Amino acid sequence: GQLVELGGGLVQPGGSLRLSCQAFGFNFSNYVLSWYRQAPDKGREMVTFISGVGGNIYYTQSVKGRFTISRDHDKNVVYLQMDRLETEDTALYLCNAYDYDKDFWGQGTQVTVSA
């Protein structure tokens, strides 16, 4: 299985970006899908996740009200809509799919928020 993230880039503070994470080689309908980020000189941080069954959603406090996670079961894609971006959101964003003994990571997509 493989995950491929797209949608990163350079955006001004207050702007928006939409990240996508496409799964190849497996069906992630029952997986917990997460977005993590890693900023320079900082540890990896979980930003948000959505569960496979029930669709429970979690957001870290700093992105609540600004970021939205969603998934398309038919397309095998999970999205991260990021609005009102702040300079502190600058990081490499990585997608993760987890299901008990299976754990897949994407290569990441860079998000830079700068004036």
PDB file of N, CA and C in Angstrom:
ATOM      1  N   GLY A   1       0.815  -1.192   0.000  1.00  0.00           N
ATOM      2  CA  GLY A   1       0.000   0.000   0.000  1.00  0.00           C
ATOM      3  C   GLY A   1       0.851   1.245   0.000  1.00  0.00           C
ATOM      4  N   GLN A   2       0.271   2.338  -0.515  1.00  0.00           N
ATOM      5  CA  GLN A   2       1.009   3.598  -0.631  1.00  0.00           C
ATOM      6  C   GLN A   2       0.047   4.767  -0.458  1.00  0.00           C
ATOM      7  N   LEU A   3       0.550   5.815   0.157  1.00  0.00           N
ATOM      8  CA  LEU A   3      -0.208   7.061   0.298  1.00  0.00           C
ATOM      9  C   LEU A   3       0.554   8.180  -0.401  1.00  0.00           C
ATOM     10  N   VAL A   4      -0.164   9.004  -1.144  1.00  0.00           N
ATOM     11  CA  VAL A   4       0.454  10.121  -1.844  1.00  0.00           C
ATOM     12  C   VAL A   4      -0.302  11.394  -1.506  1.00  0.00           C
ATOM     13  N   GLU A   5       0.417  12.373  -0.934  1.00  0.00           N
ATOM     14  CA  GLU A   5      -0.182  13.658  -0.583  1.00  0.00           C
ATOM     15  C   GLU A   5       0.062  14.672  -1.683  1.00  0.00           C
ATOM     16  N   LEU A   6      -0.921  15.527  -1.894  1.00  0.00           N
ATOM     17  CA  LEU A   6      -0.821  16.634  -2.835  1.00  0.00           C
ATOM     18  C   LEU A   6      -1.464  17.869  -2.219  1.00  0.00           C
ATOM     19  N   GLY A   7      -1.099  19.037  -2.766  1.00  0.00           N
ATOM     20  CA  GLY A   7      -1.819  20.243  -2.398  1.00  0.00           C
ATOM     21  C   GLY A   7      -1.056  21.244  -1.577  1.00  0.00           C
ATOM     22  N   GLY A   8       0.162  20.924  -1.176  1.00  0.00           N
ATOM     23  CA  GLY A   8       0.933  21.889  -0.409  1.00  0.00           C
ATOM     24  C   GLY A   8       1.397  23.050  -1.274  1.00  0.00           C
ATOM     25  N   GLY A   9       1.979  24.035  -0.615  1.00  0.00           N
ATOM     26  CA  GLY A   9       2.488  25.188  -1.346  1.00  0.00           C
ATOM     27  C   GLY A   9       2.732  26.362  -0.433  1.00  0.00           C
ATOM     28  N   LEU A  10       2.947  27.509  -1.065  1.00  0.00           N
ATOM     29  CA  LEU A  10       3.195  28.763  -0.351  1.00  0.00           C
ATOM     30  C   LEU A  10       1.916  29.587  -0.345  1.00  0.00           C
ATOM     31  N   VAL A  11       1.528  30.061   0.818  1.00  0.00           N
ATOM     32  CA  VAL A  11       0.305  30.853   0.928  1.00  0.00           C
ATOM     33  C   VAL A  11       0.527  31.963   1.948  1.00  0.00           C
ATOM     34  N   GLN A  12      -0.157  33.062   1.775  1.00  0.00           N
ATOM     35  CA  GLN A  12      -0.034  34.172   2.713  1.00  0.00           C
ATOM     36  C   GLN A  12      -0.873  33.902   3.962  1.00  0.00           C
ATOM     37  N   PRO A  13      -0.506  34.520   5.075  1.00  0.00           N
ATOM     38  CA  PRO A  13      -1.338  34.382   6.285  1.00  0.00           C
ATOM     39  C   PRO A  13      -2.779  34.779   5.995  1.00  0.00           C
ATOM     40  N   GLY A  14      -3.716  33.980   6.526  1.00  0.00           N
ATOM     41  CA  GLY A  14      -5.128  34.212   6.267  1.00  0.00           C
ATOM     42  C   GLY A  14      -5.659  33.456   5.070  1.00  0.00           C
ATOM     43  N   GLY A  15      -4.769  32.877   4.297  1.00  0.00           N
ATOM     44  CA  GLY A  15      -5.167  32.150   3.100  1.00  0.00           C
ATOM     45  C   GLY A  15      -5.611  30.724   3.387  1.00  0.00           C
ATOM     46  N   SER A  16      -5.899  29.991   2.310  1.00  0.00           N
ATOM     47  CA  SER A  16      -6.406  28.621   2.419  1.00  0.00           C
ATOM     48  C   SER A  16      -5.632  27.687   1.496  1.00  0.00           C
ATOM     49  N   LEU A  17      -5.591  26.437   1.907  1.00  0.00           N
ATOM     50  CA  LEU A  17      -5.062  25.362   1.082  1.00  0.00           C
ATOM     51  C   LEU A  17      -5.893  24.116   1.334  1.00  0.00           C
ATOM     52  N   ARG A  18      -5.957  23.251   0.343  1.00  0.00           N
ATOM     53  CA  ARG A  18      -6.621  21.964   0.509  1.00  0.00           C
ATOM     54  C   ARG A  18      -5.648  20.856   0.165  1.00  0.00           C
ATOM     55  N   LEU A  19      -5.335  20.035   1.147  1.00  0.00           N
ATOM     56  CA  LEU A  19      -4.464  18.894   0.934  1.00  0.00           C
ATOM     57  C   LEU A  19      -5.297  17.659   0.634  1.00  0.00           C
ATOM     58  N   SER A  20      -4.729  16.781  -0.166  1.00  0.00           N
ATOM     59  CA  SER A  20      -5.383  15.500  -0.410  1.00  0.00           C
ATOM     60  C   SER A  20      -4.386  14.374  -0.198  1.00  0.00           C
ATOM     61  N   CYS A  21      -4.898  13.225   0.160  1.00  0.00           N
ATOM     62  CA  CYS A  21      -4.067  12.038   0.382  1.00  0.00           C
ATOM     63  C   CYS A  21      -4.767  10.865  -0.287  1.00  0.00           C
ATOM     64  N   GLN A  22      -4.142  10.364  -1.324  1.00  0.00           N
ATOM     65  CA  GLN A  22      -4.724   9.270  -2.113  1.00  0.00           C
ATOM     66  C   GLN A  22      -4.067   7.960  -1.714  1.00  0.00           C
ATOM     67  N   ALA A  23      -4.887   6.935  -1.483  1.00  0.00           N
ATOM     68  CA  ALA A  23      -4.372   5.605  -1.161  1.00  0.00           C
ATOM     69  C   ALA A  23      -4.311   4.754  -2.420  1.00  0.00           C
ATOM     70  N   PHE A  24      -3.207   4.043  -2.563  1.00  0.00           N
ATOM     71  CA  PHE A  24      -3.019   3.129  -3.683  1.00  0.00           C
ATOM     72  C   PHE A  24      -2.701   1.746  -3.131  1.00  0.00           C
ATOM     73  N   GLY A  25      -3.342   0.738  -3.706  1.00  0.00           N
ATOM     74  CA  GLY A  25      -3.011  -0.633  -3.358  1.00  0.00           C
ATOM     75  C   GLY A  25      -3.764  -1.204  -2.186  1.00  0.00           C
ATOM     76  N   PHE A  26      -4.635  -0.409  -1.574  1.00  0.00           N
ATOM     77  CA  PHE A  26      -5.456  -0.942  -0.492  1.00  0.00           C
ATOM     78  C   PHE A  26      -6.674  -0.041  -0.319  1.00  0.00           C
ATOM     79  N   ASN A  27      -7.683  -0.608   0.274  1.00  0.00           N
ATOM     80  CA  ASN A  27      -8.922   0.124   0.544  1.00  0.00           C
ATOM     81  C   ASN A  27      -8.904   0.559   1.998  1.00  0.00           C
ATOM     82  N   PHE A  28      -8.889   1.886   2.228  1.00  0.00           N
ATOM     83  CA  PHE A  28      -8.738   2.352   3.609  1.00  0.00           C
ATOM     84  C   PHE A  28     -10.061   2.721   4.276  1.00  0.00           C
ATOM     85  N   SER A  29     -11.139   2.101   3.833  1.00  0.00           N
ATOM     86  CA  SER A  29     -12.449   2.425   4.397  1.00  0.00           C
ATOM     87  C   SER A  29     -12.506   2.214   5.908  1.00  0.00           C
ATOM     88  N   ASN A  30     -11.841   1.187   6.419  1.00  0.00           N
ATOM     89  CA  ASN A  30     -11.908   0.885   7.845  1.00  0.00           C
ATOM     90  C   ASN A  30     -10.719   1.440   8.630  1.00  0.00           C
ATOM     91  N   TYR A  31      -9.857   2.174   7.963  1.00  0.00           N
ATOM     92  CA  TYR A  31      -8.657   2.692   8.618  1.00  0.00           C
ATOM     93  C   TYR A  31      -8.959   4.012   9.324  1.00  0.00           C
ATOM     94  N   VAL A  32      -8.205   4.266  10.378  1.00  0.00           N
ATOM     95  CA  VAL A  32      -8.157   5.608  10.952  1.00  0.00           C
ATOM     96  C   VAL A  32      -7.214   6.426  10.077  1.00  0.00           C
ATOM     97  N   LEU A  33      -7.697   7.545   9.590  1.00  0.00           N
ATOM     98  CA  LEU A  33      -6.904   8.400   8.707  1.00  0.00           C
ATOM     99  C   LEU A  33      -6.519   9.666   9.456  1.00  0.00           C
ATOM    100  N   SER A  34      -5.246   9.961   9.434  1.00  0.00           N
ATOM    101  CA  SER A  34      -4.742  11.090  10.212  1.00  0.00           C
ATOM    102  C   SER A  34      -3.877  11.992   9.359  1.00  0.00           C
ATOM    103  N   TRP A  35      -3.817  13.241   9.744  1.00  0.00           N
ATOM    104  CA  TRP A  35      -2.845  14.188   9.223  1.00  0.00           C
ATOM    105  C   TRP A  35      -1.932  14.597  10.382  1.00  0.00           C
ATOM    106  N   TYR A  36      -0.636  14.484  10.135  1.00  0.00           N
ATOM    107  CA  TYR A  36       0.379  14.945  11.066  1.00  0.00           C
ATOM    108  C   TYR A  36       1.137  16.090  10.391  1.00  0.00           C
ATOM    109  N   ARG A  37       1.876  16.815  11.202  1.00  0.00           N
ATOM    110  CA  ARG A  37       2.773  17.817  10.638  1.00  0.00           C
ATOM    111  C   ARG A  37       4.053  17.856  11.442  1.00  0.00           C
ATOM    112  N   GLN A  38       5.103  18.259  10.737  1.00  0.00           N
ATOM    113  CA  GLN A  38       6.405  18.372  11.380  1.00  0.00           C
ATOM    114  C   GLN A  38       7.070  19.654  10.922  1.00  0.00           C
ATOM    115  N   ALA A  39       7.263  20.556  11.858  1.00  0.00           N
ATOM    116  CA  ALA A  39       7.928  21.818  11.578  1.00  0.00           C
ATOM    117  C   ALA A  39       9.416  21.667  11.870  1.00  0.00           C
ATOM    118  N   PRO A  40      10.246  22.540  11.274  1.00  0.00           N
ATOM    119  CA  PRO A  40      11.681  22.483  11.536  1.00  0.00           C
ATOM    120  C   PRO A  40      11.984  22.579  13.029  1.00  0.00           C
ATOM    121  N   ASP A  41      12.821  21.716  13.511  1.00  0.00           N
ATOM    122  CA  ASP A  41      13.254  21.709  14.906  1.00  0.00           C
ATOM    123  C   ASP A  41      12.136  21.381  15.891  1.00  0.00           C
ATOM    124  N   LYS A  42      11.060  20.760  15.380  1.00  0.00           N
ATOM    125  CA  LYS A  42       9.970  20.356  16.263  1.00  0.00           C
ATOM    126  C   LYS A  42       9.617  18.894  16.017  1.00  0.00           C
ATOM    127  N   GLY A  43       8.970  18.278  16.980  1.00  0.00           N
ATOM    128  CA  GLY A  43       8.540  16.900  16.833  1.00  0.00           C
ATOM    129  C   GLY A  43       7.328  16.785  15.946  1.00  0.00           C
ATOM    130  N   ARG A  44       7.003  15.560  15.588  1.00  0.00           N
ATOM    131  CA  ARG A  44       5.820  15.316  14.763  1.00  0.00           C
ATOM    132  C   ARG A  44       4.569  15.475  15.618  1.00  0.00           C
ATOM    133  N   GLU A  45       3.620  16.203  15.084  1.00  0.00           N
ATOM    134  CA  GLU A  45       2.396  16.526  15.806  1.00  0.00           C
ATOM    135  C   GLU A  45       1.183  16.011  15.057  1.00  0.00           C
ATOM    136  N   MET A  46       0.272  15.339  15.788  1.00  0.00           N
ATOM    137  CA  MET A  46      -0.974  14.941  15.149  1.00  0.00           C
ATOM    138  C   MET A  46      -1.875  16.169  15.047  1.00  0.00           C
ATOM    139  N   VAL A  47      -2.352  16.430  13.844  1.00  0.00           N
ATOM    140  CA  VAL A  47      -3.215  17.579  13.602  1.00  0.00           C
ATOM    141  C   VAL A  47      -4.676  17.193  13.728  1.00  0.00           C
ATOM    142  N   THR A  48      -5.049  16.085  13.085  1.00  0.00           N
ATOM    143  CA  THR A  48      -6.440  15.663  13.071  1.00  0.00           C
ATOM    144  C   THR A  48      -6.533  14.211  12.645  1.00  0.00           C
ATOM    145  N   PHE A  49      -7.609  13.538  13.037  1.00  0.00           N
ATOM    146  CA  PHE A  49      -7.878  12.228  12.492  1.00  0.00           C
ATOM    147  C   PHE A  49      -9.373  12.022  12.352  1.00  0.00           C
ATOM    148  N   ILE A  50      -9.704  11.052  11.494  1.00  0.00           N
ATOM    149  CA  ILE A  50     -11.084  10.643  11.301  1.00  0.00           C
ATOM    150  C   ILE A  50     -11.115   9.122  11.327  1.00  0.00           C
ATOM    151  N   SER A  51     -11.990   8.553  12.112  1.00  0.00           N
ATOM    152  CA  SER A  51     -12.025   7.105  12.238  1.00  0.00           C
ATOM    153  C   SER A  51     -12.734   6.476  11.051  1.00  0.00           C
ATOM    154  N   GLY A  52     -12.480   5.170  10.874  1.00  0.00           N
ATOM    155  CA  GLY A  52     -13.081   4.477   9.751  1.00  0.00           C
ATOM    156  C   GLY A  52     -14.551   4.177   9.978  1.00  0.00           C
ATOM    157  N   VAL A  53     -14.838   3.674  11.161  1.00  0.00           N
ATOM    158  CA  VAL A  53     -16.220   3.328  11.515  1.00  0.00           C
ATOM    159  C   VAL A  53     -16.780   4.433  12.396  1.00  0.00           C
ATOM    160  N   GLY A  54     -17.867   5.008  11.962  1.00  0.00           N
ATOM    161  CA  GLY A  54     -18.490   6.053  12.772  1.00  0.00           C
ATOM    162  C   GLY A  54     -18.067   7.445  12.420  1.00  0.00           C
ATOM    163  N   GLY A  55     -16.911   7.562  11.807  1.00  0.00           N
ATOM    164  CA  GLY A  55     -16.472   8.874  11.359  1.00  0.00           C
ATOM    165  C   GLY A  55     -16.155   9.850  12.468  1.00  0.00           C
ATOM    166  N   ASN A  56     -15.722   9.338  13.638  1.00  0.00           N
ATOM    167  CA  ASN A  56     -15.349  10.239  14.726  1.00  0.00           C
ATOM    168  C   ASN A  56     -14.145  11.078  14.300  1.00  0.00           C
ATOM    169  N   ILE A  57     -14.165  12.336  14.715  1.00  0.00           N
ATOM    170  CA  ILE A  57     -13.139  13.292  14.293  1.00  0.00           C
ATOM    171  C   ILE A  57     -12.518  13.961  15.515  1.00  0.00           C
ATOM    172  N   TYR A  58     -11.208  14.157  15.412  1.00  0.00           N
ATOM    173  CA  TYR A  58     -10.453  14.872  16.444  1.00  0.00           C
ATOM    174  C   TYR A  58      -9.607  15.951  15.778  1.00  0.00           C
ATOM    175  N   TYR A  59      -9.496  17.106  16.434  1.00  0.00           N
ATOM    176  CA  TYR A  59      -8.597  18.166  15.990  1.00  0.00           C
ATOM    177  C   TYR A  59      -7.739  18.610  17.170  1.00  0.00           C
ATOM    178  N   THR A  60      -6.484  18.845  16.898  1.00  0.00           N
ATOM    179  CA  THR A  60      -5.676  19.467  17.926  1.00  0.00           C
ATOM    180  C   THR A  60      -6.166  20.898  18.143  1.00  0.00           C
ATOM    181  N   GLN A  61      -5.991  21.394  19.345  1.00  0.00           N
ATOM    182  CA  GLN A  61      -6.616  22.665  19.734  1.00  0.00           C
ATOM    183  C   GLN A  61      -6.245  23.816  18.804  1.00  0.00           C
ATOM    184  N   SER A  62      -5.019  23.872  18.362  1.00  0.00           N
ATOM    185  CA  SER A  62      -4.551  25.027  17.587  1.00  0.00           C
ATOM    186  C   SER A  62      -5.191  25.151  16.214  1.00  0.00           C
ATOM    187  N   VAL A  63      -5.852  24.089  15.724  1.00  0.00           N
ATOM    188  CA  VAL A  63      -6.451  24.164  14.383  1.00  0.00           C
ATOM    189  C   VAL A  63      -7.975  24.098  14.419  1.00  0.00           C
ATOM    190  N   LYS A  64      -8.543  23.938  15.605  1.00  0.00           N
ATOM    191  CA  LYS A  64     -10.005  23.845  15.711  1.00  0.00           C
ATOM    192  C   LYS A  64     -10.653  25.099  15.137  1.00  0.00           C
ATOM    193  N   GLY A  65     -11.664  24.892  14.299  1.00  0.00           N
ATOM    194  CA  GLY A  65     -12.379  25.999  13.690  1.00  0.00           C
ATOM    195  C   GLY A  65     -11.735  26.520  12.413  1.00  0.00           C
ATOM    196  N   ARG A  66     -10.513  26.035  12.118  1.00  0.00           N
ATOM    197  CA  ARG A  66      -9.823  26.497  10.913  1.00  0.00           C
ATOM    198  C   ARG A  66      -9.589  25.360   9.912  1.00  0.00           C
ATOM    199  N   PHE A  67      -9.354  24.147  10.414  1.00  0.00           N
ATOM    200  CA  PHE A  67      -9.079  23.002   9.553  1.00  0.00           C
ATOM    201  C   PHE A  67     -10.276  22.045   9.575  1.00  0.00           C
ATOM    202  N   THR A  68     -10.476  21.373   8.434  1.00  0.00           N
ATOM    203  CA  THR A  68     -11.552  20.392   8.324  1.00  0.00           C
ATOM    204  C   THR A  68     -11.044  19.154   7.610  1.00  0.00           C
ATOM    205  N   ILE A  69     -11.222  18.004   8.252  1.00  0.00           N
ATOM    206  CA  ILE A  69     -10.835  16.740   7.626  1.00  0.00           C
ATOM    207  C   ILE A  69     -12.092  16.073   7.061  1.00  0.00           C
ATOM    208  N   SER A  70     -11.934  15.425   5.917  1.00  0.00           N
ATOM    209  CA  SER A  70     -13.043  14.682   5.327  1.00  0.00           C
ATOM    210  C   SER A  70     -12.470  13.533   4.517  1.00  0.00           C
ATOM    211  N   ARG A  71     -13.324  12.561   4.237  1.00  0.00           N
ATOM    212  CA  ARG A  71     -12.854  11.409   3.474  1.00  0.00           C
ATOM    213  C   ARG A  71     -13.886  11.039   2.423  1.00  0.00           C
ATOM    214  N   ASP A  72     -13.382  10.516   1.307  1.00  0.00           N
ATOM    215  CA  ASP A  72     -14.234  10.035   0.232  1.00  0.00           C
ATOM    216  C   ASP A  72     -13.953   8.544   0.080  1.00  0.00           C
ATOM    217  N   HIS A  73     -14.878   7.739   0.536  1.00  0.00           N
ATOM    218  CA  HIS A  73     -14.662   6.291   0.511  1.00  0.00           C
ATOM    219  C   HIS A  73     -14.580   5.761  -0.915  1.00  0.00           C
ATOM    220  N   ASP A  74     -15.371   6.323  -1.798  1.00  0.00           N
ATOM    221  CA  ASP A  74     -15.383   5.843  -3.182  1.00  0.00           C
ATOM    222  C   ASP A  74     -14.056   6.112  -3.880  1.00  0.00           C
ATOM    223  N   LYS A  75     -13.454   7.270  -3.591  1.00  0.00           N
ATOM    224  CA  LYS A  75     -12.214   7.653  -4.266  1.00  0.00           C
ATOM    225  C   LYS A  75     -10.975   7.226  -3.486  1.00  0.00           C
ATOM    226  N   ASN A  76     -11.187   6.731  -2.246  1.00  0.00           N
ATOM    227  CA  ASN A  76     -10.035   6.322  -1.420  1.00  0.00           C
ATOM    228  C   ASN A  76      -9.124   7.507  -1.121  1.00  0.00           C
ATOM    229  N   VAL A  77      -9.732   8.630  -0.809  1.00  0.00           N
ATOM    230  CA  VAL A  77      -9.001   9.878  -0.579  1.00  0.00           C
ATOM    231  C   VAL A  77      -9.447  10.511   0.740  1.00  0.00           C
ATOM    232  N   VAL A  78      -8.496  11.090   1.437  1.00  0.00           N
ATOM    233  CA  VAL A  78      -8.809  11.912   2.605  1.00  0.00           C
ATOM    234  C   VAL A  78      -8.289  13.319   2.336  1.00  0.00           C
ATOM    235  N   TYR A  79      -9.058  14.296   2.763  1.00  0.00           N
ATOM    236  CA  TYR A  79      -8.736  15.692   2.503  1.00  0.00           C
ATOM    237  C   TYR A  79      -8.493  16.443   3.811  1.00  0.00           C
ATOM    238  N   LEU A  80      -7.720  17.517   3.694  1.00  0.00           N
ATOM    239  CA  LEU A  80      -7.558  18.447   4.804  1.00  0.00           C
ATOM    240  C   LEU A  80      -7.732  19.851   4.246  1.00  0.00           C
ATOM    241  N   GLN A  81      -8.866  20.452   4.552  1.00  0.00           N
ATOM    242  CA  GLN A  81      -9.118  21.839   4.173  1.00  0.00           C
ATOM    243  C   GLN A  81      -8.579  22.731   5.272  1.00  0.00           C
ATOM    244  N   MET A  82      -7.681  23.634   4.900  1.00  0.00           N
ATOM    245  CA  MET A  82      -7.032  24.508   5.869  1.00  0.00           C
ATOM    246  C   MET A  82      -7.365  25.953   5.532  1.00  0.00           C
ATOM    247  N   ASP A  83      -8.079  26.609   6.420  1.00  0.00           N
ATOM    248  CA  ASP A  83      -8.472  28.001   6.238  1.00  0.00           C
ATOM    249  C   ASP A  83      -7.833  28.870   7.318  1.00  0.00           C
ATOM    250  N   ARG A  84      -7.796  30.170   7.036  1.00  0.00           N
ATOM    251  CA  ARG A  84      -7.219  31.152   7.974  1.00  0.00           C
ATOM    252  C   ARG A  84      -5.843  30.682   8.459  1.00  0.00           C
ATOM    253  N   LEU A  85      -5.028  30.336   7.513  1.00  0.00           N
ATOM    254  CA  LEU A  85      -3.710  29.803   7.834  1.00  0.00           C
ATOM    255  C   LEU A  85      -2.848  30.850   8.529  1.00  0.00           C
ATOM    256  N   GLU A  86      -2.012  30.342   9.436  1.00  0.00           N
ATOM    257  CA  GLU A  86      -1.116  31.181  10.219  1.00  0.00           C
ATOM    258  C   GLU A  86       0.322  30.747   9.966  1.00  0.00           C
ATOM    259  N   THR A  87       1.260  31.640  10.242  1.00  0.00           N
ATOM    260  CA  THR A  87       2.670  31.297  10.021  1.00  0.00           C
ATOM    261  C   THR A  87       3.072  30.067  10.829  1.00  0.00           C
ATOM    262  N   GLU A  88       2.436  29.878  11.979  1.00  0.00           N
ATOM    263  CA  GLU A  88       2.744  28.713  12.819  1.00  0.00           C
ATOM    264  C   GLU A  88       2.291  27.395  12.202  1.00  0.00           C
ATOM    265  N   ASP A  89       1.502  27.461  11.141  1.00  0.00           N
ATOM    266  CA  ASP A  89       1.060  26.240  10.465  1.00  0.00           C
ATOM    267  C   ASP A  89       2.101  25.726   9.470  1.00  0.00           C
ATOM    268  N   THR A  90       3.150  26.486   9.264  1.00  0.00           N
ATOM    269  CA  THR A  90       4.209  26.072   8.343  1.00  0.00           C
ATOM    270  C   THR A  90       4.835  24.765   8.814  1.00  0.00           C
ATOM    271  N   ALA A  91       4.805  23.754   7.936  1.00  0.00           N
ATOM    272  CA  ALA A  91       5.326  22.430   8.297  1.00  0.00           C
ATOM    273  C   ALA A  91       5.222  21.501   7.096  1.00  0.00           C
ATOM    274  N   LEU A  92       5.839  20.349   7.245  1.00  0.00           N
ATOM    275  CA  LEU A  92       5.632  19.240   6.329  1.00  0.00           C
ATOM    276  C   LEU A  92       4.417  18.470   6.834  1.00  0.00           C
ATOM    277  N   TYR A  93       3.404  18.330   5.986  1.00  0.00           N
ATOM    278  CA  TYR A  93       2.178  17.644   6.377  1.00  0.00           C
ATOM    279  C   TYR A  93       2.194  16.222   5.824  1.00  0.00           C
ATOM    280  N   LEU A  94       1.947  15.269   6.716  1.00  0.00           N
ATOM    281  CA  LEU A  94       2.002  13.861   6.343  1.00  0.00           C
ATOM    282  C   LEU A  94       0.677  13.177   6.628  1.00  0.00           C
ATOM    283  N   CYS A  95       0.324  12.273   5.756  1.00  0.00           N
ATOM    284  CA  CYS A  95      -0.896  11.498   5.871  1.00  0.00           C
ATOM    285  C   CYS A  95      -0.555  10.122   6.448  1.00  0.00           C
ATOM    286  N   ASN A  96      -1.434   9.607   7.289  1.00  0.00           N
ATOM    287  CA  ASN A  96      -1.246   8.294   7.887  1.00  0.00           C
ATOM    288  C   ASN A  96      -2.543   7.512   7.825  1.00  0.00           C
ATOM    289  N   ALA A  97      -2.425   6.218   7.525  1.00  0.00           N
ATOM    290  CA  ALA A  97      -3.571   5.306   7.554  1.00  0.00           C
ATOM    291  C   ALA A  97      -3.219   4.151   8.475  1.00  0.00           C
ATOM    292  N   TYR A  98      -4.052   3.929   9.489  1.00  0.00           N
ATOM    293  CA  TYR A  98      -3.752   2.929  10.515  1.00  0.00           C
ATOM    294  C   TYR A  98      -4.946   2.019  10.718  1.00  0.00           C
ATOM    295  N   ASP A  99      -4.636   0.698  10.783  1.00  0.00           N
ATOM    296  CA  ASP A  99      -5.659  -0.283  11.086  1.00  0.00           C
ATOM    297  C   ASP A  99      -4.998  -1.466  11.771  1.00  0.00           C
ATOM    298  N   TYR A 100      -5.013  -1.476  13.092  1.00  0.00           N
ATOM    299  CA  TYR A 100      -4.416  -2.553  13.904  1.00  0.00           C
ATOM    300  C   TYR A 100      -2.965  -2.803  13.502  1.00  0.00           C
ATOM    301  N   ASP A 101      -2.702  -3.810  12.666  1.00  0.00           N
ATOM    302  CA  ASP A 101      -1.313  -4.157  12.353  1.00  0.00           C
ATOM    303  C   ASP A 101      -0.824  -3.528  11.053  1.00  0.00           C
ATOM    304  N   LYS A 102      -1.577  -2.633  10.494  1.00  0.00           N
ATOM    305  CA  LYS A 102      -1.168  -1.983   9.254  1.00  0.00           C
ATOM    306  C   LYS A 102      -1.027  -0.481   9.496  1.00  0.00           C
ATOM    307  N   ASP A 103       0.062   0.062   9.024  1.00  0.00           N
ATOM    308  CA  ASP A 103       0.372   1.458   9.309  1.00  0.00           C
ATOM    309  C   ASP A 103       1.106   2.034   8.102  1.00  0.00           C
ATOM    310  N   PHE A 104       0.431   2.907   7.355  1.00  0.00           N
ATOM    311  CA  PHE A 104       1.014   3.470   6.136  1.00  0.00           C
ATOM    312  C   PHE A 104       1.230   4.970   6.304  1.00  0.00           C
ATOM    313  N   TRP A 105       2.337   5.460   5.721  1.00  0.00           N
ATOM    314  CA  TRP A 105       2.659   6.884   5.743  1.00  0.00           C
ATOM    315  C   TRP A 105       2.916   7.377   4.328  1.00  0.00           C
ATOM    316  N   GLY A 106       2.518   8.605   4.074  1.00  0.00           N
ATOM    317  CA  GLY A 106       2.893   9.256   2.835  1.00  0.00           C
ATOM    318  C   GLY A 106       4.235   9.930   2.986  1.00  0.00           C
ATOM    319  N   GLN A 107       4.703  10.531   1.899  1.00  0.00           N
ATOM    320  CA  GLN A 107       6.015  11.185   1.901  1.00  0.00           C
ATOM    321  C   GLN A 107       5.937  12.621   2.396  1.00  0.00           C
ATOM    322  N   GLY A 108       4.735  13.144   2.464  1.00  0.00           N
ATOM    323  CA  GLY A 108       4.537  14.503   2.970  1.00  0.00           C
ATOM    324  C   GLY A 108       4.449  15.546   1.871  1.00  0.00           C
ATOM    325  N   THR A 109       3.784  16.633   2.212  1.00  0.00           N
ATOM    326  CA  THR A 109       3.695  17.777   1.322  1.00  0.00           C
ATOM    327  C   THR A 109       3.944  19.036   2.153  1.00  0.00           C
ATOM    328  N   GLN A 110       4.777  19.934   1.619  1.00  0.00           N
ATOM    329  CA  GLN A 110       5.208  21.107   2.381  1.00  0.00           C
ATOM    330  C   GLN A 110       4.175  22.220   2.295  1.00  0.00           C
ATOM    331  N   VAL A 111       3.835  22.767   3.442  1.00  0.00           N
ATOM    332  CA  VAL A 111       2.971  23.935   3.537  1.00  0.00           C
ATOM    333  C   VAL A 111       3.784  25.061   4.161  1.00  0.00           C
ATOM    334  N   THR A 112       3.871  26.174   3.458  1.00  0.00           N
ATOM    335  CA  THR A 112       4.601  27.337   3.955  1.00  0.00           C
ATOM    336  C   THR A 112       3.666  28.532   3.977  1.00  0.00           C
ATOM    337  N   VAL A 113       3.505  29.104   5.151  1.00  0.00           N
ATOM    338  CA  VAL A 113       2.640  30.271   5.318  1.00  0.00           C
ATOM    339  C   VAL A 113       3.535  31.466   5.623  1.00  0.00           C
ATOM    340  N   SER A 114       3.571  32.381   4.672  1.00  0.00           N
ATOM    341  CA  SER A 114       4.494  33.504   4.806  1.00  0.00           C
ATOM    342  C   SER A 114       3.990  34.690   4.002  1.00  0.00           C
ATOM    343  N   ALA A 115       4.252  35.876   4.519  1.00  0.00           N
ATOM    344  CA  ALA A 115       3.892  37.079   3.778  1.00  0.00           C
ATOM    345  C   ALA A 115       4.963  37.412   2.765  1.00  0.00           C
TER     346      ALA A 115
END
